[in-house]
C-alpha cells in the first residue's frame, strides 16, 4: 500500500477485520436476501453490500459514521472508505 496517497481512515487500519459468520444478520432478521458481504472495520459487524436489496452496510455507515469497510467475500482483499470514497486492495 502506498500510504502517502491513502486517506487518514485507511492509514489507520492496522489489521483487517473479517467476520467468520458469512451472513447478513439484518437480512436474516428481515427475511431478505443479500448478494455480497462487507465487514465494518470499526465495530466488526458484517452486513450486505449495495448490490443487495437492503444495502445494510451503507445504512450502517450513515447511522454510525464508521468510515471503512472490507470485503468479506472469499478471495477478495480490499477496503473502502465511505467519507473519502477511496478504494484500496491489500
C-alpha atoms as a PDB file:
ATOM      1  CA  UNK A   1       0.000   0.000   0.000  1.00  0.00           C
ATOM      2  CA  UNK A   2       1.241   3.463  -0.836  1.00  0.00           C
ATOM      3  CA  UNK A   3       0.368   5.161   2.433  1.00  0.00           C
ATOM      4  CA  UNK A   4       1.145   8.668   1.172  1.00  0.00           C
ATOM      5  CA  UNK A   5      -1.897   8.541  -1.120  1.00  0.00           C
ATOM      6  CA  UNK A   6      -4.209   6.899   1.417  1.00  0.00           C
ATOM      7  CA  UNK A   7      -6.744   8.857   3.410  1.00  0.00           C
ATOM      8  CA  UNK A   8      -6.346   9.011   7.185  1.00  0.00           C
ATOM      9  CA  UNK A   9      -9.113   6.426   7.683  1.00  0.00           C
ATOM     10  CA  UNK A  10      -7.383   3.792   5.540  1.00  0.00           C
ATOM     11  CA  UNK A  11      -3.978   4.606   7.025  1.00  0.00           C
ATOM     12  CA  UNK A  12      -5.390   3.939  10.489  1.00  0.00           C
ATOM     13  CA  UNK A  13      -6.263   0.299   9.683  1.00  0.00           C
ATOM     14  CA  UNK A  14      -3.621  -1.878  11.349  1.00  0.00           C
ATOM     15  CA  UNK A  15      -5.344  -5.242  10.943  1.00  0.00           C
ATOM     16  CA  UNK A  16      -8.226  -6.012   8.589  1.00  0.00           C
ATOM     17  CA  UNK A  17     -11.216  -7.495  10.384  1.00  0.00           C
ATOM     18  CA  UNK A  18     -13.244 -10.142   8.543  1.00  0.00           C
ATOM     19  CA  UNK A  19     -16.181 -11.922  10.115  1.00  0.00           C
ATOM     20  CA  UNK A  20     -16.202 -15.693  10.343  1.00  0.00           C
ATOM     21  CA  UNK A  21     -20.019 -15.608  10.108  1.00  0.00           C
ATOM     22  CA  UNK A  22     -20.900 -15.468   6.436  1.00  0.00           C
ATOM     23  CA  UNK A  23     -24.368 -13.936   6.837  1.00  0.00           C
ATOM     24  CA  UNK A  24     -26.038 -10.544   6.980  1.00  0.00           C
ATOM     25  CA  UNK A  25     -27.872 -10.627  10.319  1.00  0.00           C
ATOM     26  CA  UNK A  26     -30.131  -7.756   9.233  1.00  0.00           C
ATOM     27  CA  UNK A  27     -31.200  -9.635   6.084  1.00  0.00           C
ATOM     28  CA  UNK A  28     -31.910 -12.738   8.165  1.00  0.00           C
ATOM     29  CA  UNK A  29     -33.958 -10.683  10.618  1.00  0.00           C
ATOM     30  CA  UNK A  30     -35.909  -9.012   7.789  1.00  0.00           C
ATOM     31  CA  UNK A  31     -36.245 -12.186   5.692  1.00  0.00           C
ATOM     32  CA  UNK A  32     -34.444 -10.574   2.744  1.00  0.00           C
ATOM     33  CA  UNK A  33     -31.516 -11.790   0.655  1.00  0.00           C
ATOM     34  CA  UNK A  34     -28.009 -10.449   0.186  1.00  0.00           C
ATOM     35  CA  UNK A  35     -25.537 -10.516  -2.687  1.00  0.00           C
ATOM     36  CA  UNK A  36     -22.147  -9.852  -1.062  1.00  0.00           C
ATOM     37  CA  UNK A  37     -20.942  -9.125   2.453  1.00  0.00           C
ATOM     38  CA  UNK A  38     -18.804  -6.349   3.915  1.00  0.00           C
ATOM     39  CA  UNK A  39     -17.226  -6.048   7.370  1.00  0.00           C
ATOM     40  CA  UNK A  40     -17.075  -2.729   9.236  1.00  0.00           C
ATOM     41  CA  UNK A  41     -13.515  -2.052  10.345  1.00  0.00           C
ATOM     42  CA  UNK A  42     -14.650  -0.052  13.386  1.00  0.00           C
ATOM     43  CA  UNK A  43     -17.129  -2.386  15.070  1.00  0.00           C
ATOM     44  CA  UNK A  44     -16.718  -5.658  13.149  1.00  0.00           C
ATOM     45  CA  UNK A  45     -20.342  -6.055  12.056  1.00  0.00           C
ATOM     46  CA  UNK A  46     -20.813  -7.860   8.735  1.00  0.00           C
ATOM     47  CA  UNK A  47     -23.677  -6.681   6.542  1.00  0.00           C
ATOM     48  CA  UNK A  48     -24.767  -6.764   2.907  1.00  0.00           C
ATOM     49  CA  UNK A  49     -23.414  -4.636   0.061  1.00  0.00           C
ATOM     50  CA  UNK A  50     -25.061  -2.045  -2.175  1.00  0.00           C
ATOM     51  CA  UNK A  51     -25.911  -4.708  -4.778  1.00  0.00           C
ATOM     52  CA  UNK A  52     -28.191  -6.254  -2.168  1.00  0.00           C
ATOM     53  CA  UNK A  53     -31.793  -5.018  -1.956  1.00  0.00           C
ATOM     54  CA  UNK A  54     -31.485  -3.540   1.548  1.00  0.00           C
ATOM     55  CA  UNK A  55     -27.920  -2.129   1.364  1.00  0.00           C
ATOM     56  CA  UNK A  56     -27.423  -2.704   5.089  1.00  0.00           C
ATOM     57  CA  UNK A  57     -23.725  -1.783   5.220  1.00  0.00           C
ATOM     58  CA  UNK A  58     -24.301   1.632   3.673  1.00  0.00           C
ATOM     59  CA  UNK A  59     -27.204   2.183   6.078  1.00  0.00           C
ATOM     60  CA  UNK A  60     -24.835   1.216   8.911  1.00  0.00           C
ATOM     61  CA  UNK A  61     -22.319   3.808   7.713  1.00  0.00           C
ATOM     62  CA  UNK A  62     -24.927   6.581   7.552  1.00  0.00           C
ATOM     63  CA  UNK A  63     -26.134   5.750  11.058  1.00  0.00           C
ATOM     64  CA  UNK A  64     -22.765   5.061  12.738  1.00  0.00           C
ATOM     65  CA  UNK A  65     -20.321   7.105  10.615  1.00  0.00           C
ATOM     66  CA  UNK A  66     -17.858   4.171  10.813  1.00  0.00           C
ATOM     67  CA  UNK A  67     -15.723   5.054   7.779  1.00  0.00           C
ATOM     68  CA  UNK A  68     -14.018   1.886   6.463  1.00  0.00           C
ATOM     69  CA  UNK A  69     -15.337  -1.474   5.304  1.00  0.00           C
ATOM     70  CA  UNK A  70     -13.605  -4.562   3.945  1.00  0.00           C
ATOM     71  CA  UNK A  71     -14.968  -7.127   1.559  1.00  0.00           C
ATOM     72  CA  UNK A  72     -15.930 -10.280   3.444  1.00  0.00           C
ATOM     73  CA  UNK A  73     -16.050 -12.254   0.205  1.00  0.00           C
ATOM     74  CA  UNK A  74     -13.634 -15.188  -0.124  1.00  0.00           C
ATOM     75  CA  UNK A  75     -10.684 -14.276  -2.335  1.00  0.00           C
ATOM     76  CA  UNK A  76     -11.367 -10.523  -2.228  1.00  0.00           C
ATOM     77  CA  UNK A  77      -8.892  -8.319  -0.351  1.00  0.00           C
ATOM     78  CA  UNK A  78      -9.962  -4.701  -0.469  1.00  0.00           C
ATOM     79  CA  UNK A  79     -11.022  -1.788   1.718  1.00  0.00           C
ATOM     80  CA  UNK A  80     -13.398   1.102   1.005  1.00  0.00           C
ATOM     81  CA  UNK A  81     -13.551   4.417   2.842  1.00  0.00           C
ATOM     82  CA  UNK A  82     -17.030   5.956   2.665  1.00  0.00           C
ATOM     83  CA  UNK A  83     -16.267   9.606   3.527  1.00  0.00           C
ATOM     84  CA  UNK A  84     -13.201   9.842   1.266  1.00  0.00           C
ATOM     85  CA  UNK A  85     -14.588   7.498  -1.431  1.00  0.00           C
ATOM     86  CA  UNK A  86     -11.252   5.724  -1.563  1.00  0.00           C
ATOM     87  CA  UNK A  87     -10.688   2.085  -2.535  1.00  0.00           C
ATOM     88  CA  UNK A  88      -7.553   0.040  -1.975  1.00  0.00           C
ATOM     89  CA  UNK A  89      -6.603  -3.568  -2.481  1.00  0.00           C
ATOM     90  CA  UNK A  90      -4.309  -5.091   0.111  1.00  0.00           C
END
